[in-house]
């Protein structure tokens, strides 16, 4: 009815009470999935928690968490700032991303060849 408030939906939690591991969202391309994985890996290599990275970015911890859980998209400008915050240039991040995309494509092509029956 008009004027009624919608009920909040609770966040799924695991048996330990923590949020479940991120699931791959269909709305993100494989290239986007690779980028997000690289950004998370870069944060870990830099020894930064989500909260520490968020502070460097001038954002709330939830901003970083939502991006890492694939619940929020990341812009090019945000990607650049993320790379710089973890001590990597945007160009180096872009190179690593492109190399990872090419490696994933080669792996997929290799798997496709294995599946095809011999003639």
PDB file of N, CA and C in Angstrom:
ATOM      1  N   UNK A   1       0.836  -1.188   0.000  1.00  0.00           N
ATOM      2  CA  UNK A   1       0.000   0.000   0.000  1.00  0.00           C
ATOM      3  C   UNK A   1       0.874   1.243   0.000  1.00  0.00           C
ATOM      4  N   UNK A   2       0.291   2.331  -0.426  1.00  0.00           N
ATOM      5  CA  UNK A   2       1.036   3.582  -0.484  1.00  0.00           C
ATOM      6  C   UNK A   2       1.434   4.019   0.906  1.00  0.00           C
ATOM      7  N   UNK A   3       2.666   4.507   1.017  1.00  0.00           N
ATOM      8  CA  UNK A   3       3.142   5.009   2.297  1.00  0.00           C
ATOM      9  C   UNK A   3       3.769   3.965   3.191  1.00  0.00           C
ATOM     10  N   UNK A   4       3.637   2.676   2.831  1.00  0.00           N
ATOM     11  CA  UNK A   4       4.249   1.643   3.655  1.00  0.00           C
ATOM     12  C   UNK A   4       5.742   1.594   3.393  1.00  0.00           C
ATOM     13  N   UNK A   5       6.506   1.327   4.458  1.00  0.00           N
ATOM     14  CA  UNK A   5       7.947   1.197   4.316  1.00  0.00           C
ATOM     15  C   UNK A   5       8.282  -0.235   3.970  1.00  0.00           C
ATOM     16  N   UNK A   6       9.304  -0.390   3.141  1.00  0.00           N
ATOM     17  CA  UNK A   6       9.767  -1.727   2.809  1.00  0.00           C
ATOM     18  C   UNK A   6      10.611  -2.258   3.951  1.00  0.00           C
ATOM     19  N   UNK A   7      10.502  -3.559   4.200  1.00  0.00           N
ATOM     20  CA  UNK A   7      11.317  -4.178   5.237  1.00  0.00           C
ATOM     21  C   UNK A   7      12.727  -4.358   4.730  1.00  0.00           C
ATOM     22  N   UNK A   8      13.684  -4.181   5.627  1.00  0.00           N
ATOM     23  CA  UNK A   8      15.084  -4.377   5.262  1.00  0.00           C
ATOM     24  C   UNK A   8      15.350  -5.863   5.083  1.00  0.00           C
ATOM     25  N   UNK A   9      16.171  -6.176   4.103  1.00  0.00           N
ATOM     26  CA  UNK A   9      16.550  -7.556   3.858  1.00  0.00           C
ATOM     27  C   UNK A   9      17.847  -7.807   4.597  1.00  0.00           C
ATOM     28  N   UNK A  10      17.902  -8.880   5.355  1.00  0.00           N
ATOM     29  CA  UNK A  10      19.106  -9.159   6.120  1.00  0.00           C
ATOM     30  C   UNK A  10      20.204  -9.688   5.207  1.00  0.00           C
ATOM     31  N   UNK A  11      21.437  -9.425   5.609  1.00  0.00           N
ATOM     32  CA  UNK A  11      22.596  -9.890   4.857  1.00  0.00           C
ATOM     33  C   UNK A  11      22.839 -11.351   5.172  1.00  0.00           C
ATOM     34  N   UNK A  12      23.081 -12.202   4.142  1.00  0.00           N
ATOM     35  CA  UNK A  12      23.356 -13.601   4.409  1.00  0.00           C
ATOM     36  C   UNK A  12      24.641 -13.746   5.214  1.00  0.00           C
ATOM     37  N   UNK A  13      24.606 -14.601   6.202  1.00  0.00           N
ATOM     38  CA  UNK A  13      25.806 -14.819   7.006  1.00  0.00           C
ATOM     39  C   UNK A  13      26.118 -16.298   7.077  1.00  0.00           C
ATOM     40  N   UNK A  14      27.402 -16.579   7.241  1.00  0.00           N
ATOM     41  CA  UNK A  14      27.842 -17.959   7.400  1.00  0.00           C
ATOM     42  C   UNK A  14      27.644 -18.420   8.826  1.00  0.00           C
ATOM     43  N   UNK A  15      28.057 -19.646   9.116  1.00  0.00           N
ATOM     44  CA  UNK A  15      27.858 -20.203  10.448  1.00  0.00           C
ATOM     45  C   UNK A  15      28.653 -19.447  11.499  1.00  0.00           C
ATOM     46  N   UNK A  16      29.753 -18.775  11.100  1.00  0.00           N
ATOM     47  CA  UNK A  16      30.549 -18.034  12.065  1.00  0.00           C
ATOM     48  C   UNK A  16      30.001 -16.635  12.301  1.00  0.00           C
ATOM     49  N   UNK A  17      28.945 -16.284  11.576  1.00  0.00           N
ATOM     50  CA  UNK A  17      28.364 -14.961  11.723  1.00  0.00           C
ATOM     51  C   UNK A  17      28.968 -13.945  10.767  1.00  0.00           C
ATOM     52  N   UNK A  18      29.958 -14.363   9.993  1.00  0.00           N
ATOM     53  CA  UNK A  18      30.571 -13.441   9.047  1.00  0.00           C
ATOM     54  C   UNK A  18      29.856 -13.521   7.706  1.00  0.00           C
ATOM     55  N   UNK A  19      30.035 -12.498   6.933  1.00  0.00           N
ATOM     56  CA  UNK A  19      29.418 -12.446   5.613  1.00  0.00           C
ATOM     57  C   UNK A  19      30.028 -13.531   4.731  1.00  0.00           C
ATOM     58  N   UNK A  20      29.227 -14.098   3.854  1.00  0.00           N
ATOM     59  CA  UNK A  20      29.696 -15.149   2.958  1.00  0.00           C
ATOM     60  C   UNK A  20      30.739 -14.617   1.995  1.00  0.00           C
ATOM     61  N   UNK A  21      31.542 -15.521   1.452  1.00  0.00           N
ATOM     62  CA  UNK A  21      32.536 -15.154   0.443  1.00  0.00           C
ATOM     63  C   UNK A  21      31.819 -14.588  -0.775  1.00  0.00           C
ATOM     64  N   UNK A  22      32.463 -13.651  -1.468  1.00  0.00           N
ATOM     65  CA  UNK A  22      31.803 -13.050  -2.626  1.00  0.00           C
ATOM     66  C   UNK A  22      31.528 -14.069  -3.715  1.00  0.00           C
ATOM     67  N   UNK A  23      30.372 -13.949  -4.314  1.00  0.00           N
ATOM     68  CA  UNK A  23      30.004 -14.813  -5.425  1.00  0.00           C
ATOM     69  C   UNK A  23      30.164 -14.026  -6.717  1.00  0.00           C
ATOM     70  N   UNK A  24      30.496 -14.718  -7.777  1.00  0.00           N
ATOM     71  CA  UNK A  24      30.657 -14.052  -9.065  1.00  0.00           C
ATOM     72  C   UNK A  24      29.304 -13.548  -9.529  1.00  0.00           C
ATOM     73  N   UNK A  25      29.250 -12.286  -9.832  1.00  0.00           N
ATOM     74  CA  UNK A  25      28.014 -11.668 -10.306  1.00  0.00           C
ATOM     75  C   UNK A  25      28.003 -11.726 -11.832  1.00  0.00           C
ATOM     76  N   UNK A  26      26.900 -12.131 -12.405  1.00  0.00           N
ATOM     77  CA  UNK A  26      26.789 -12.269 -13.853  1.00  0.00           C
ATOM     78  C   UNK A  26      26.942 -10.927 -14.556  1.00  0.00           C
ATOM     79  N   UNK A  27      26.650  -9.832 -13.877  1.00  0.00           N
ATOM     80  CA  UNK A  27      26.696  -8.529 -14.535  1.00  0.00           C
ATOM     81  C   UNK A  27      28.108  -8.048 -14.793  1.00  0.00           C
ATOM     82  N   UNK A  28      29.108  -8.692 -14.223  1.00  0.00           N
ATOM     83  CA  UNK A  28      30.494  -8.306 -14.445  1.00  0.00           C
ATOM     84  C   UNK A  28      31.127  -9.212 -15.477  1.00  0.00           C
ATOM     85  N   UNK A  29      31.828  -8.625 -16.425  1.00  0.00           N
ATOM     86  CA  UNK A  29      32.518  -9.395 -17.452  1.00  0.00           C
ATOM     87  C   UNK A  29      33.707 -10.121 -16.828  1.00  0.00           C
ATOM     88  N   UNK A  30      34.236 -11.084 -17.567  1.00  0.00           N
ATOM     89  CA  UNK A  30      35.412 -11.799 -17.073  1.00  0.00           C
ATOM     90  C   UNK A  30      36.577 -10.827 -16.891  1.00  0.00           C
ATOM     91  N   UNK A  31      36.692  -9.836 -17.759  1.00  0.00           N
ATOM     92  CA  UNK A  31      37.756  -8.848 -17.619  1.00  0.00           C
ATOM     93  C   UNK A  31      37.614  -8.056 -16.327  1.00  0.00           C
ATOM     94  N   UNK A  32      36.371  -7.731 -15.985  1.00  0.00           N
ATOM     95  CA  UNK A  32      36.114  -7.001 -14.743  1.00  0.00           C
ATOM     96  C   UNK A  32      36.439  -7.881 -13.536  1.00  0.00           C
ATOM     97  N   UNK A  33      36.073  -9.149 -13.610  1.00  0.00           N
ATOM     98  CA  UNK A  33      36.379 -10.083 -12.518  1.00  0.00           C
ATOM     99  C   UNK A  33      37.891 -10.165 -12.302  1.00  0.00           C
ATOM    100  N   UNK A  34      38.638 -10.205 -13.393  1.00  0.00           N
ATOM    101  CA  UNK A  34      40.099 -10.273 -13.308  1.00  0.00           C
ATOM    102  C   UNK A  34      40.640  -9.008 -12.656  1.00  0.00           C
ATOM    103  N   UNK A  35      40.126  -7.841 -13.059  1.00  0.00           N
ATOM    104  CA  UNK A  35      40.566  -6.581 -12.464  1.00  0.00           C
ATOM    105  C   UNK A  35      40.320  -6.568 -10.965  1.00  0.00           C
ATOM    106  N   UNK A  36      39.129  -6.953 -10.555  1.00  0.00           N
ATOM    107  CA  UNK A  36      38.807  -6.932  -9.131  1.00  0.00           C
ATOM    108  C   UNK A  36      39.699  -7.888  -8.349  1.00  0.00           C
ATOM    109  N   UNK A  37      39.973  -9.052  -8.916  1.00  0.00           N
ATOM    110  CA  UNK A  37      40.877 -10.000  -8.250  1.00  0.00           C
ATOM    111  C   UNK A  37      42.277  -9.409  -8.108  1.00  0.00           C
ATOM    112  N   UNK A  38      42.745  -8.733  -9.145  1.00  0.00           N
ATOM    113  CA  UNK A  38      44.064  -8.100  -9.086  1.00  0.00           C
ATOM    114  C   UNK A  38      44.110  -6.992  -8.043  1.00  0.00           C
ATOM    115  N   UNK A  39      43.035  -6.218  -7.935  1.00  0.00           N
ATOM    116  CA  UNK A  39      43.002  -5.131  -6.953  1.00  0.00           C
ATOM    117  C   UNK A  39      43.020  -5.671  -5.524  1.00  0.00           C
ATOM    118  N   UNK A  40      42.286  -6.746  -5.290  1.00  0.00           N
ATOM    119  CA  UNK A  40      42.287  -7.365  -3.956  1.00  0.00           C
ATOM    120  C   UNK A  40      43.681  -7.911  -3.646  1.00  0.00           C
ATOM    121  N   UNK A  41      44.273  -8.597  -4.620  1.00  0.00           N
ATOM    122  CA  UNK A  41      45.621  -9.155  -4.441  1.00  0.00           C
ATOM    123  C   UNK A  41      46.633  -8.037  -4.158  1.00  0.00           C
ATOM    124  N   UNK A  42      46.522  -6.924  -4.868  1.00  0.00           N
ATOM    125  CA  UNK A  42      47.434  -5.797  -4.657  1.00  0.00           C
ATOM    126  C   UNK A  42      47.280  -5.226  -3.257  1.00  0.00           C
ATOM    127  N   UNK A  43      46.033  -5.165  -2.779  1.00  0.00           N
ATOM    128  CA  UNK A  43      45.809  -4.666  -1.407  1.00  0.00           C
ATOM    129  C   UNK A  43      46.468  -5.586  -0.401  1.00  0.00           C
ATOM    130  N   UNK A  44      46.307  -6.891  -0.602  1.00  0.00           N
ATOM    131  CA  UNK A  44      46.919  -7.861   0.310  1.00  0.00           C
ATOM    132  C   UNK A  44      48.440  -7.751   0.281  1.00  0.00           C
ATOM    133  N   UNK A  45      49.021  -7.668  -0.920  1.00  0.00           N
ATOM    134  CA  UNK A  45      50.485  -7.550  -1.051  1.00  0.00           C
ATOM    135  C   UNK A  45      51.006  -6.295  -0.378  1.00  0.00           C
ATOM    136  N   UNK A  46      50.207  -5.234  -0.382  1.00  0.00           N
ATOM    137  CA  UNK A  46      50.601  -3.984   0.266  1.00  0.00           C
ATOM    138  C   UNK A  46      50.435  -4.063   1.778  1.00  0.00           C
ATOM    139  N   UNK A  47      49.841  -5.154   2.255  1.00  0.00           N
ATOM    140  CA  UNK A  47      49.639  -5.325   3.694  1.00  0.00           C
ATOM    141  C   UNK A  47      48.575  -4.418   4.275  1.00  0.00           C
ATOM    142  N   UNK A  48      47.608  -4.046   3.432  1.00  0.00           N
ATOM    143  CA  UNK A  48      46.550  -3.141   3.879  1.00  0.00           C
ATOM    144  C   UNK A  48      45.250  -3.892   4.137  1.00  0.00           C
ATOM    145  N   UNK A  49      44.596  -3.531   5.209  1.00  0.00           N
ATOM    146  CA  UNK A  49      43.240  -4.032   5.454  1.00  0.00           C
ATOM    147  C   UNK A  49      42.287  -3.201   4.601  1.00  0.00           C
ATOM    148  N   UNK A  50      41.046  -3.649   4.522  1.00  0.00           N
ATOM    149  CA  UNK A  50      40.052  -2.850   3.815  1.00  0.00           C
ATOM    150  C   UNK A  50      39.914  -1.474   4.456  1.00  0.00           C
ATOM    151  N   UNK A  51      39.943  -1.441   5.772  1.00  0.00           N
ATOM    152  CA  UNK A  51      39.798  -0.173   6.488  1.00  0.00           C
ATOM    153  C   UNK A  51      40.975   0.758   6.207  1.00  0.00           C
ATOM    154  N   UNK A  52      42.195   0.206   6.179  1.00  0.00           N
ATOM    155  CA  UNK A  52      43.381   1.026   5.919  1.00  0.00           C
ATOM    156  C   UNK A  52      43.361   1.579   4.494  1.00  0.00           C
ATOM    157  N   UNK A  53      42.965   0.740   3.541  1.00  0.00           N
ATOM    158  CA  UNK A  53      42.866   1.215   2.158  1.00  0.00           C
ATOM    159  C   UNK A  53      41.791   2.290   2.042  1.00  0.00           C
ATOM    160  N   UNK A  54      40.650   2.049   2.671  1.00  0.00           N
ATOM    161  CA  UNK A  54      39.562   3.027   2.623  1.00  0.00           C
ATOM    162  C   UNK A  54      40.020   4.376   3.165  1.00  0.00           C
ATOM    163  N   UNK A  55      40.785   4.344   4.245  1.00  0.00           N
ATOM    164  CA  UNK A  55      41.294   5.585   4.834  1.00  0.00           C
ATOM    165  C   UNK A  55      42.194   6.313   3.832  1.00  0.00           C
ATOM    166  N   UNK A  56      43.074   5.570   3.150  1.00  0.00           N
ATOM    167  CA  UNK A  56      43.947   6.184   2.142  1.00  0.00           C
ATOM    168  C   UNK A  56      43.148   6.777   0.987  1.00  0.00           C
ATOM    169  N   UNK A  57      42.025   6.140   0.672  1.00  0.00           N
ATOM    170  CA  UNK A  57      41.177   6.610  -0.426  1.00  0.00           C
ATOM    171  C   UNK A  57      40.219   7.717   0.000  1.00  0.00           C
ATOM    172  N   UNK A  58      40.126   7.946   1.310  1.00  0.00           N
ATOM    173  CA  UNK A  58      39.176   8.934   1.816  1.00  0.00           C
ATOM    174  C   UNK A  58      37.740   8.458   1.719  1.00  0.00           C
ATOM    175  N   UNK A  59      37.568   7.136   1.839  1.00  0.00           N
ATOM    176  CA  UNK A  59      36.244   6.522   1.726  1.00  0.00           C
ATOM    177  C   UNK A  59      35.942   5.713   2.979  1.00  0.00           C
ATOM    178  N   UNK A  60      34.697   5.283   3.095  1.00  0.00           N
ATOM    179  CA  UNK A  60      34.295   4.396   4.188  1.00  0.00           C
ATOM    180  C   UNK A  60      34.768   2.980   3.863  1.00  0.00           C
ATOM    181  N   UNK A  61      34.992   2.169   4.888  1.00  0.00           N
ATOM    182  CA  UNK A  61      35.408   0.786   4.696  1.00  0.00           C
ATOM    183  C   UNK A  61      34.401   0.042   3.829  1.00  0.00           C
ATOM    184  N   UNK A  62      33.135   0.357   3.978  1.00  0.00           N
ATOM    185  CA  UNK A  62      32.100  -0.322   3.194  1.00  0.00           C
ATOM    186  C   UNK A  62      32.284  -0.089   1.694  1.00  0.00           C
ATOM    187  N   UNK A  63      32.857   1.039   1.322  1.00  0.00           N
ATOM    188  CA  UNK A  63      33.124   1.333  -0.099  1.00  0.00           C
ATOM    189  C   UNK A  63      34.070   0.274  -0.674  1.00  0.00           C
ATOM    190  N   UNK A  64      35.161   0.006   0.022  1.00  0.00           N
ATOM    191  CA  UNK A  64      36.131  -0.996  -0.420  1.00  0.00           C
ATOM    192  C   UNK A  64      35.507  -2.385  -0.368  1.00  0.00           C
ATOM    193  N   UNK A  65      34.819  -2.688   0.715  1.00  0.00           N
ATOM    194  CA  UNK A  65      34.211  -4.014   0.875  1.00  0.00           C
ATOM    195  C   UNK A  65      33.203  -4.303  -0.234  1.00  0.00           C
ATOM    196  N   UNK A  66      32.371  -3.343  -0.564  1.00  0.00           N
ATOM    197  CA  UNK A  66      31.365  -3.554  -1.605  1.00  0.00           C
ATOM    198  C   UNK A  66      32.006  -3.789  -2.968  1.00  0.00           C
ATOM    199  N   UNK A  67      33.085  -3.076  -3.257  1.00  0.00           N
ATOM    200  CA  UNK A  67      33.796  -3.299  -4.513  1.00  0.00           C
ATOM    201  C   UNK A  67      34.384  -4.701  -4.531  1.00  0.00           C
ATOM    202  N   UNK A  68      35.056  -5.094  -3.453  1.00  0.00           N
ATOM    203  CA  UNK A  68      35.691  -6.407  -3.395  1.00  0.00           C
ATOM    204  C   UNK A  68      34.685  -7.547  -3.428  1.00  0.00           C
ATOM    205  N   UNK A  69      33.482  -7.322  -2.928  1.00  0.00           N
ATOM    206  CA  UNK A  69      32.444  -8.363  -2.938  1.00  0.00           C
ATOM    207  C   UNK A  69      31.627  -8.335  -4.236  1.00  0.00           C
ATOM    208  N   UNK A  70      32.022  -7.473  -5.154  1.00  0.00           N
ATOM    209  CA  UNK A  70      31.345  -7.337  -6.452  1.00  0.00           C
ATOM    210  C   UNK A  70      29.925  -6.829  -6.296  1.00  0.00           C
ATOM    211  N   UNK A  71      29.670  -6.088  -5.222  1.00  0.00           N
ATOM    212  CA  UNK A  71      28.357  -5.486  -5.003  1.00  0.00           C
ATOM    213  C   UNK A  71      28.316  -4.037  -5.481  1.00  0.00           C
ATOM    214  N   UNK A  72      29.461  -3.509  -5.868  1.00  0.00           N
ATOM    215  CA  UNK A  72      29.549  -2.127  -6.336  1.00  0.00           C
ATOM    216  C   UNK A  72      30.574  -2.076  -7.450  1.00  0.00           C
ATOM    217  N   UNK A  73      30.264  -1.354  -8.498  1.00  0.00           N
ATOM    218  CA  UNK A  73      31.187  -1.184  -9.613  1.00  0.00           C
ATOM    219  C   UNK A  73      32.301  -0.217  -9.206  1.00  0.00           C
ATOM    220  N   UNK A  74      33.412  -0.255  -9.933  1.00  0.00           N
ATOM    221  CA  UNK A  74      34.519   0.653  -9.664  1.00  0.00           C
ATOM    222  C   UNK A  74      34.806   1.435 -10.944  1.00  0.00           C
ATOM    223  N   UNK A  75      34.985   2.726 -10.805  1.00  0.00           N
ATOM    224  CA  UNK A  75      35.260   3.567 -11.967  1.00  0.00           C
ATOM    225  C   UNK A  75      36.747   3.532 -12.309  1.00  0.00           C
ATOM    226  N   UNK A  76      37.084   4.059 -13.456  1.00  0.00           N
ATOM    227  CA  UNK A  76      38.486   4.142 -13.869  1.00  0.00           C
ATOM    228  C   UNK A  76      39.273   5.025 -12.907  1.00  0.00           C
ATOM    229  N   UNK A  77      38.700   6.135 -12.506  1.00  0.00           N
ATOM    230  CA  UNK A  77      39.378   7.040 -11.574  1.00  0.00           C
ATOM    231  C   UNK A  77      39.594   6.341 -10.234  1.00  0.00           C
ATOM    232  N   UNK A  78      38.590   5.618  -9.752  1.00  0.00           N
ATOM    233  CA  UNK A  78      38.738   4.885  -8.494  1.00  0.00           C
ATOM    234  C   UNK A  78      39.809   3.796  -8.616  1.00  0.00           C
ATOM    235  N   UNK A  79      39.862   3.147  -9.776  1.00  0.00           N
ATOM    236  CA  UNK A  79      40.880   2.118 -10.000  1.00  0.00           C
ATOM    237  C   UNK A  79      42.266   2.739  -9.932  1.00  0.00           C
ATOM    238  N   UNK A  80      42.434   3.880 -10.563  1.00  0.00           N
ATOM    239  CA  UNK A  80      43.724   4.582 -10.537  1.00  0.00           C
ATOM    240  C   UNK A  80      44.119   4.930  -9.109  1.00  0.00           C
ATOM    241  N   UNK A  81      43.194   5.472  -8.345  1.00  0.00           N
ATOM    242  CA  UNK A  81      43.484   5.852  -6.954  1.00  0.00           C
ATOM    243  C   UNK A  81      43.802   4.623  -6.106  1.00  0.00           C
ATOM    244  N   UNK A  82      43.076   3.517  -6.342  1.00  0.00           N
ATOM    245  CA  UNK A  82      43.301   2.263  -5.618  1.00  0.00           C
ATOM    246  C   UNK A  82      44.741   1.789  -5.869  1.00  0.00           C
ATOM    247  N   UNK A  83      45.128   1.770  -7.153  1.00  0.00           N
ATOM    248  CA  UNK A  83      46.482   1.318  -7.513  1.00  0.00           C
ATOM    249  C   UNK A  83      47.539   2.162  -6.818  1.00  0.00           C
ATOM    250  N   UNK A  84      47.364   3.462  -6.863  1.00  0.00           N
ATOM    251  CA  UNK A  84      48.326   4.356  -6.214  1.00  0.00           C
ATOM    252  C   UNK A  84      48.353   4.156  -4.706  1.00  0.00           C
ATOM    253  N   UNK A  85      47.191   3.909  -4.103  1.00  0.00           N
ATOM    254  CA  UNK A  85      47.111   3.722  -2.654  1.00  0.00           C
ATOM    255  C   UNK A  85      47.832   2.456  -2.191  1.00  0.00           C
ATOM    256  N   UNK A  86      47.911   1.467  -3.078  1.00  0.00           N
ATOM    257  CA  UNK A  86      48.610   0.217  -2.711  1.00  0.00           C
ATOM    258  C   UNK A  86      50.054   0.221  -3.206  1.00  0.00           C
ATOM    259  N   UNK A  87      50.505   1.370  -3.739  1.00  0.00           N
ATOM    260  CA  UNK A  87      51.899   1.522  -4.112  1.00  0.00           C
ATOM    261  C   UNK A  87      52.257   1.056  -5.506  1.00  0.00           C
ATOM    262  N   UNK A  88      51.285   1.001  -6.397  1.00  0.00           N
ATOM    263  CA  UNK A  88      51.520   0.584  -7.779  1.00  0.00           C
ATOM    264  C   UNK A  88      50.989   1.663  -8.711  1.00  0.00           C
ATOM    265  N   UNK A  89      51.720   1.926  -9.773  1.00  0.00           N
ATOM    266  CA  UNK A  89      51.228   2.927 -10.721  1.00  0.00           C
ATOM    267  C   UNK A  89      50.036   2.359 -11.479  1.00  0.00           C
ATOM    268  N   UNK A  90      49.198   3.244 -11.950  1.00  0.00           N
ATOM    269  CA  UNK A  90      48.032   2.824 -12.731  1.00  0.00           C
ATOM    270  C   UNK A  90      48.478   2.093 -13.994  1.00  0.00           C
ATOM    271  N   UNK A  91      49.556   2.564 -14.619  1.00  0.00           N
ATOM    272  CA  UNK A  91      50.053   1.901 -15.827  1.00  0.00           C
ATOM    273  C   UNK A  91      50.505   0.472 -15.536  1.00  0.00           C
ATOM    274  N   UNK A  92      51.181   0.264 -14.406  1.00  0.00           N
ATOM    275  CA  UNK A  92      51.589  -1.097 -14.044  1.00  0.00           C
ATOM    276  C   UNK A  92      50.368  -1.972 -13.767  1.00  0.00           C
ATOM    277  N   UNK A  93      49.370  -1.403 -13.102  1.00  0.00           N
ATOM    278  CA  UNK A  93      48.125  -2.149 -12.862  1.00  0.00           C
ATOM    279  C   UNK A  93      47.476  -2.528 -14.189  1.00  0.00           C
ATOM    280  N   UNK A  94      47.431  -1.578 -15.120  1.00  0.00           N
ATOM    281  CA  UNK A  94      46.812  -1.843 -16.424  1.00  0.00           C
ATOM    282  C   UNK A  94      47.580  -2.931 -17.174  1.00  0.00           C
ATOM    283  N   UNK A  95      48.898  -2.904 -17.096  1.00  0.00           N
ATOM    284  CA  UNK A  95      49.701  -3.946 -17.754  1.00  0.00           C
ATOM    285  C   UNK A  95      49.424  -5.315 -17.143  1.00  0.00           C
ATOM    286  N   UNK A  96      49.402  -5.373 -15.817  1.00  0.00           N
ATOM    287  CA  UNK A  96      49.126  -6.650 -15.136  1.00  0.00           C
ATOM    288  C   UNK A  96      47.741  -7.157 -15.498  1.00  0.00           C
ATOM    289  N   UNK A  97      46.786  -6.230 -15.579  1.00  0.00           N
ATOM    290  CA  UNK A  97      45.408  -6.592 -15.928  1.00  0.00           C
ATOM    291  C   UNK A  97      45.361  -7.173 -17.338  1.00  0.00           C
ATOM    292  N   UNK A  98      46.014  -6.496 -18.280  1.00  0.00           N
ATOM    293  CA  UNK A  98      46.017  -6.969 -19.662  1.00  0.00           C
ATOM    294  C   UNK A  98      46.706  -8.333 -19.762  1.00  0.00           C
ATOM    295  N   UNK A  99      47.814  -8.521 -19.064  1.00  0.00           N
ATOM    296  CA  UNK A  99      48.514  -9.813 -19.077  1.00  0.00           C
ATOM    297  C   UNK A  99      47.622 -10.916 -18.506  1.00  0.00           C
ATOM    298  N   UNK A 100      46.902 -10.611 -17.437  1.00  0.00           N
ATOM    299  CA  UNK A 100      46.007 -11.598 -16.823  1.00  0.00           C
ATOM    300  C   UNK A 100      44.835 -11.927 -17.756  1.00  0.00           C
ATOM    301  N   UNK A 101      44.323 -10.946 -18.461  1.00  0.00           N
ATOM    302  CA  UNK A 101      43.238 -11.187 -19.424  1.00  0.00           C
ATOM    303  C   UNK A 101      43.731 -12.108 -20.535  1.00  0.00           C
ATOM    304  N   UNK A 102      44.911 -11.801 -21.070  1.00  0.00           N
ATOM    305  CA  UNK A 102      45.464 -12.629 -22.146  1.00  0.00           C
ATOM    306  C   UNK A 102      45.727 -14.058 -21.667  1.00  0.00           C
ATOM    307  N   UNK A 103      46.240 -14.206 -20.449  1.00  0.00           N
ATOM    308  CA  UNK A 103      46.489 -15.537 -19.895  1.00  0.00           C
ATOM    309  C   UNK A 103      45.178 -16.307 -19.732  1.00  0.00           C
ATOM    310  N   UNK A 104      44.131 -15.633 -19.281  1.00  0.00           N
ATOM    311  CA  UNK A 104      42.826 -16.279 -19.117  1.00  0.00           C
ATOM    312  C   UNK A 104      42.262 -16.709 -20.458  1.00  0.00           C
ATOM    313  N   UNK A 105      42.442 -15.886 -21.480  1.00  0.00           N
ATOM    314  CA  UNK A 105      41.959 -16.240 -22.824  1.00  0.00           C
ATOM    315  C   UNK A 105      42.709 -17.450 -23.371  1.00  0.00           C
ATOM    316  N   UNK A 106      44.033 -17.482 -23.174  1.00  0.00           N
ATOM    317  CA  UNK A 106      44.826 -18.626 -23.635  1.00  0.00           C
ATOM    318  C   UNK A 106      44.405 -19.903 -22.914  1.00  0.00           C
ATOM    319  N   UNK A 107      44.175 -19.789 -21.609  1.00  0.00           N
ATOM    320  CA  UNK A 107      43.733 -20.949 -20.823  1.00  0.00           C
ATOM    321  C   UNK A 107      42.376 -21.440 -21.310  1.00  0.00           C
ATOM    322  N   UNK A 108      41.459 -20.529 -21.578  1.00  0.00           N
ATOM    323  CA  UNK A 108      40.132 -20.910 -22.062  1.00  0.00           C
ATOM    324  C   UNK A 108      40.229 -21.583 -23.430  1.00  0.00           C
ATOM    325  N   UNK A 109      41.081 -21.048 -24.303  1.00  0.00           N
ATOM    326  CA  UNK A 109      41.258 -21.649 -25.626  1.00  0.00           C
ATOM    327  C   UNK A 109      41.870 -23.042 -25.510  1.00  0.00           C
ATOM    328  N   UNK A 110      42.800 -23.189 -24.603  1.00  0.00           N
ATOM    329  CA  UNK A 110      43.439 -24.489 -24.386  1.00  0.00           C
ATOM    330  C   UNK A 110      42.428 -25.516 -23.880  1.00  0.00           C
ATOM    331  N   UNK A 111      41.588 -25.084 -22.948  1.00  0.00           N
ATOM    332  CA  UNK A 111      40.549 -25.988 -22.426  1.00  0.00           C
ATOM    333  C   UNK A 111      39.559 -26.363 -23.514  1.00  0.00           C
ATOM    334  N   UNK A 112      39.227 -25.422 -24.384  1.00  0.00           N
ATOM    335  CA  UNK A 112      38.287 -25.688 -25.472  1.00  0.00           C
ATOM    336  C   UNK A 112      38.870 -26.713 -26.444  1.00  0.00           C
ATOM    337  N   UNK A 113      40.166 -26.637 -26.687  1.00  0.00           N
ATOM    338  CA  UNK A 113      40.820 -27.601 -27.573  1.00  0.00           C
ATOM    339  C   UNK A 113      40.815 -29.002 -26.968  1.00  0.00           C
ATOM    340  N   UNK A 114      40.982 -29.087 -25.653  1.00  0.00           N
ATOM    341  CA  UNK A 114      40.979 -30.379 -24.965  1.00  0.00           C
ATOM    342  C   UNK A 114      39.626 -31.053 -25.034  1.00  0.00           C
ATOM    343  N   UNK A 115      38.565 -30.272 -25.064  1.00  0.00           N
ATOM    344  CA  UNK A 115      37.207 -30.792 -25.048  1.00  0.00           C
ATOM    345  C   UNK A 115      36.785 -31.324 -26.411  1.00  0.00           C
ATOM    346  N   UNK A 116      37.311 -30.746 -27.478  1.00  0.00           N
ATOM    347  CA  UNK A 116      36.898 -31.151 -28.825  1.00  0.00           C
ATOM    348  C   UNK A 116      37.382 -32.573 -29.125  1.00  0.00           C
ATOM    349  N   UNK A 117      36.484 -33.416 -29.655  1.00  0.00           N
ATOM    350  CA  UNK A 117      36.883 -34.793 -29.985  1.00  0.00           C
ATOM    351  C   UNK A 117      37.819 -34.796 -31.189  1.00  0.00           C
ATOM    352  N   UNK A 118      38.729 -35.767 -31.238  1.00  0.00           N
ATOM    353  CA  UNK A 118      39.632 -35.846 -32.378  1.00  0.00           C
ATOM    354  C   UNK A 118      38.869 -36.189 -33.638  1.00  0.00           C
ATOM    355  N   UNK A 119      39.378 -35.746 -34.772  1.00  0.00           N
ATOM    356  CA  UNK A 119      38.690 -35.999 -36.044  1.00  0.00           C
ATOM    357  C   UNK A 119      39.118 -37.307 -36.639  1.00  0.00           C
TER     358      UNK A 119
END
